[in-house]
Amino acid sequence: MEYMPKVLQAVAGEDFTLYLYFSDGSVRLYDAKPILERGGVFEPMRDENFFREHLTVLNDTAAWDVNGDFDPCSCIDLDPIELYESSVVVADPLETAS
C-alpha cells in the first residue's frame, strides 16, 4: 500500500513558504510562490497577511479559511500529494524557536 500523505500542522514561513508536518513524521518546506503567480482562486493568498492569518489544516491538507468559518467547502486547499512530493524535508523550525 502506498503512503497517502496527511498534513497534521501547517506553519507559514518567510516569503510565502510553508512548513508542513506530515503524518509520517516528516517536516517539509513548501514554496508557495509558483502557485500564487497563477492568480485566480489563489489571488487572496498573495496578500502576506492573508497568507499567514488564514492558513489552517482542513481536509488533511494545508488550506486557507477564506470566510473565517472553517467550512471545508469554501476554503482554498492544496493537494496533499503535490505538497508532499514537491517539498523538501527540513529540520523542525519549532524545535529551535525561542
C-alpha atoms as a PDB file:
ATOM      1  CA  MET A   1       0.000   0.000   0.000  1.00  0.00           C
ATOM      2  CA  GLU A   2       1.279   3.438  -0.931  1.00  0.00           C
ATOM      3  CA  TYR A   3       1.570   6.230   1.646  1.00  0.00           C
ATOM      4  CA  MET A   4      -1.244   8.774   1.464  1.00  0.00           C
ATOM      5  CA  PRO A   5       0.167  11.972   2.956  1.00  0.00           C
ATOM      6  CA  LYS A   6      -1.857  13.866   5.520  1.00  0.00           C
ATOM      7  CA  VAL A   7      -0.885  17.281   6.792  1.00  0.00           C
ATOM      8  CA  LEU A   8      -1.209  17.473  10.574  1.00  0.00           C
ATOM      9  CA  GLN A   9       0.088  21.020  11.009  1.00  0.00           C
ATOM     10  CA  ALA A  10       0.972  23.907   8.701  1.00  0.00           C
ATOM     11  CA  VAL A  11       3.050  26.913   9.721  1.00  0.00           C
ATOM     12  CA  ALA A  12       3.672  29.922   7.497  1.00  0.00           C
ATOM     13  CA  GLY A  13       7.348  30.670   6.958  1.00  0.00           C
ATOM     14  CA  GLU A  14       9.103  33.611   5.376  1.00  0.00           C
ATOM     15  CA  ASP A  15       8.444  34.713   1.798  1.00  0.00           C
ATOM     16  CA  PHE A  16       5.308  32.588   1.180  1.00  0.00           C
ATOM     17  CA  THR A  17       6.724  29.287   2.336  1.00  0.00           C
ATOM     18  CA  LEU A  18       5.008  26.635   4.423  1.00  0.00           C
ATOM     19  CA  TYR A  19       6.401  24.268   7.000  1.00  0.00           C
ATOM     20  CA  LEU A  20       4.261  21.162   6.714  1.00  0.00           C
ATOM     21  CA  TYR A  21       4.100  18.458   9.365  1.00  0.00           C
ATOM     22  CA  PHE A  22       3.030  15.178   7.787  1.00  0.00           C
ATOM     23  CA  SER A  23       1.540  12.041   9.319  1.00  0.00           C
ATOM     24  CA  ASP A  24       4.713  10.068   8.535  1.00  0.00           C
ATOM     25  CA  GLY A  25       6.629  12.304  10.968  1.00  0.00           C
ATOM     26  CA  SER A  26       8.419  14.340   8.310  1.00  0.00           C
ATOM     27  CA  VAL A  27       8.613  18.119   8.312  1.00  0.00           C
ATOM     28  CA  ARG A  28       8.759  19.590   4.833  1.00  0.00           C
ATOM     29  CA  LEU A  29       9.238  23.063   3.408  1.00  0.00           C
ATOM     30  CA  TYR A  30       6.994  24.080   0.516  1.00  0.00           C
ATOM     31  CA  ASP A  31       7.462  27.205  -1.598  1.00  0.00           C
ATOM     32  CA  ALA A  32       4.001  28.535  -2.481  1.00  0.00           C
ATOM     33  CA  LYS A  33       5.169  31.381  -4.724  1.00  0.00           C
ATOM     34  CA  PRO A  34       4.718  29.434  -8.016  1.00  0.00           C
ATOM     35  CA  ILE A  35       1.041  28.739  -7.312  1.00  0.00           C
ATOM     36  CA  LEU A  36       0.438  32.318  -6.155  1.00  0.00           C
ATOM     37  CA  GLU A  37       1.689  33.569  -9.523  1.00  0.00           C
ATOM     38  CA  ARG A  38      -1.253  31.789 -11.162  1.00  0.00           C
ATOM     39  CA  GLY A  39      -3.711  34.251  -9.608  1.00  0.00           C
ATOM     40  CA  GLY A  40      -7.362  33.214  -9.914  1.00  0.00           C
ATOM     41  CA  VAL A  41      -8.515  31.311  -6.847  1.00  0.00           C
ATOM     42  CA  PHE A  42      -5.064  31.870  -5.314  1.00  0.00           C
ATOM     43  CA  GLU A  43      -5.269  35.667  -5.600  1.00  0.00           C
ATOM     44  CA  PRO A  44      -6.255  36.308  -1.928  1.00  0.00           C
ATOM     45  CA  MET A  45      -3.215  34.333  -0.784  1.00  0.00           C
ATOM     46  CA  ARG A  46      -0.882  36.825  -2.477  1.00  0.00           C
ATOM     47  CA  ASP A  47      -1.511  39.168   0.447  1.00  0.00           C
ATOM     48  CA  GLU A  48       1.099  38.215   3.047  1.00  0.00           C
ATOM     49  CA  ASN A  49      -1.246  38.891   5.984  1.00  0.00           C
ATOM     50  CA  PHE A  50      -3.995  36.744   4.456  1.00  0.00           C
ATOM     51  CA  PHE A  51      -1.458  34.016   3.682  1.00  0.00           C
ATOM     52  CA  ARG A  52      -0.335  33.884   7.319  1.00  0.00           C
ATOM     53  CA  GLU A  53      -3.572  34.605   9.180  1.00  0.00           C
ATOM     54  CA  HIS A  54      -5.932  32.341   7.221  1.00  0.00           C
ATOM     55  CA  LEU A  55      -3.641  29.311   6.994  1.00  0.00           C
ATOM     56  CA  THR A  56      -5.066  26.229   8.669  1.00  0.00           C
ATOM     57  CA  VAL A  57      -5.399  22.495   8.151  1.00  0.00           C
ATOM     58  CA  LEU A  58      -8.649  21.269   6.582  1.00  0.00           C
ATOM     59  CA  ASN A  59      -9.327  18.089   4.626  1.00  0.00           C
ATOM     60  CA  ASP A  60      -5.961  16.679   5.838  1.00  0.00           C
ATOM     61  CA  THR A  61      -4.011  19.356   3.968  1.00  0.00           C
ATOM     62  CA  ALA A  62      -2.845  22.967   4.108  1.00  0.00           C
ATOM     63  CA  ALA A  63      -5.756  25.287   3.471  1.00  0.00           C
ATOM     64  CA  TRP A  64      -6.787  28.915   3.738  1.00  0.00           C
ATOM     65  CA  ASP A  65     -10.037  29.653   5.515  1.00  0.00           C
ATOM     66  CA  VAL A  66     -11.436  32.328   3.213  1.00  0.00           C
ATOM     67  CA  ASN A  67     -14.669  33.113   5.095  1.00  0.00           C
ATOM     68  CA  GLY A  68     -13.499  32.559   8.669  1.00  0.00           C
ATOM     69  CA  ASP A  69     -15.963  29.720   9.295  1.00  0.00           C
ATOM     70  CA  PHE A  70     -13.656  26.704   8.736  1.00  0.00           C
ATOM     71  CA  ASP A  71     -16.043  25.340   6.104  1.00  0.00           C
ATOM     72  CA  PRO A  72     -14.059  22.781   4.072  1.00  0.00           C
ATOM     73  CA  CYS A  73     -16.273  23.563   1.067  1.00  0.00           C
ATOM     74  CA  SER A  74     -15.299  27.237   0.944  1.00  0.00           C
ATOM     75  CA  CYS A  75     -11.586  27.030   1.635  1.00  0.00           C
ATOM     76  CA  ILE A  76      -8.599  27.120  -0.678  1.00  0.00           C
ATOM     77  CA  ASP A  77      -6.822  23.830  -0.116  1.00  0.00           C
ATOM     78  CA  LEU A  78      -3.812  22.278  -1.788  1.00  0.00           C
ATOM     79  CA  ASP A  79      -3.388  18.679  -2.869  1.00  0.00           C
ATOM     80  CA  PRO A  80      -1.518  16.885  -0.047  1.00  0.00           C
ATOM     81  CA  ILE A  81       0.204  14.549  -2.504  1.00  0.00           C
ATOM     82  CA  GLU A  82       1.502  17.510  -4.505  1.00  0.00           C
ATOM     83  CA  LEU A  83       2.651  19.206  -1.298  1.00  0.00           C
ATOM     84  CA  TYR A  84       4.458  16.071  -0.163  1.00  0.00           C
ATOM     85  CA  GLU A  85       6.144  15.389  -3.480  1.00  0.00           C
ATOM     86  CA  SER A  86       7.174  18.978  -4.282  1.00  0.00           C
ATOM     87  CA  SER A  87       8.544  19.937  -0.870  1.00  0.00           C
ATOM     88  CA  VAL A  88      11.886  19.241   0.766  1.00  0.00           C
ATOM     89  CA  VAL A  89      12.489  17.582   4.125  1.00  0.00           C
ATOM     90  CA  VAL A  90      13.821  20.057   6.698  1.00  0.00           C
ATOM     91  CA  ALA A  91      14.558  20.174  10.405  1.00  0.00           C
ATOM     92  CA  ASP A  92      11.594  21.192  12.556  1.00  0.00           C
ATOM     93  CA  PRO A  93      11.863  25.002  12.915  1.00  0.00           C
ATOM     94  CA  LEU A  94       9.693  24.909  16.045  1.00  0.00           C
ATOM     95  CA  GLU A  95      12.330  22.876  17.900  1.00  0.00           C
ATOM     96  CA  THR A  96      14.761  25.791  17.748  1.00  0.00           C
ATOM     97  CA  ALA A  97      12.208  28.598  18.204  1.00  0.00           C
ATOM     98  CA  SER A  98      12.650  30.654  21.311  1.00  0.00           C
END
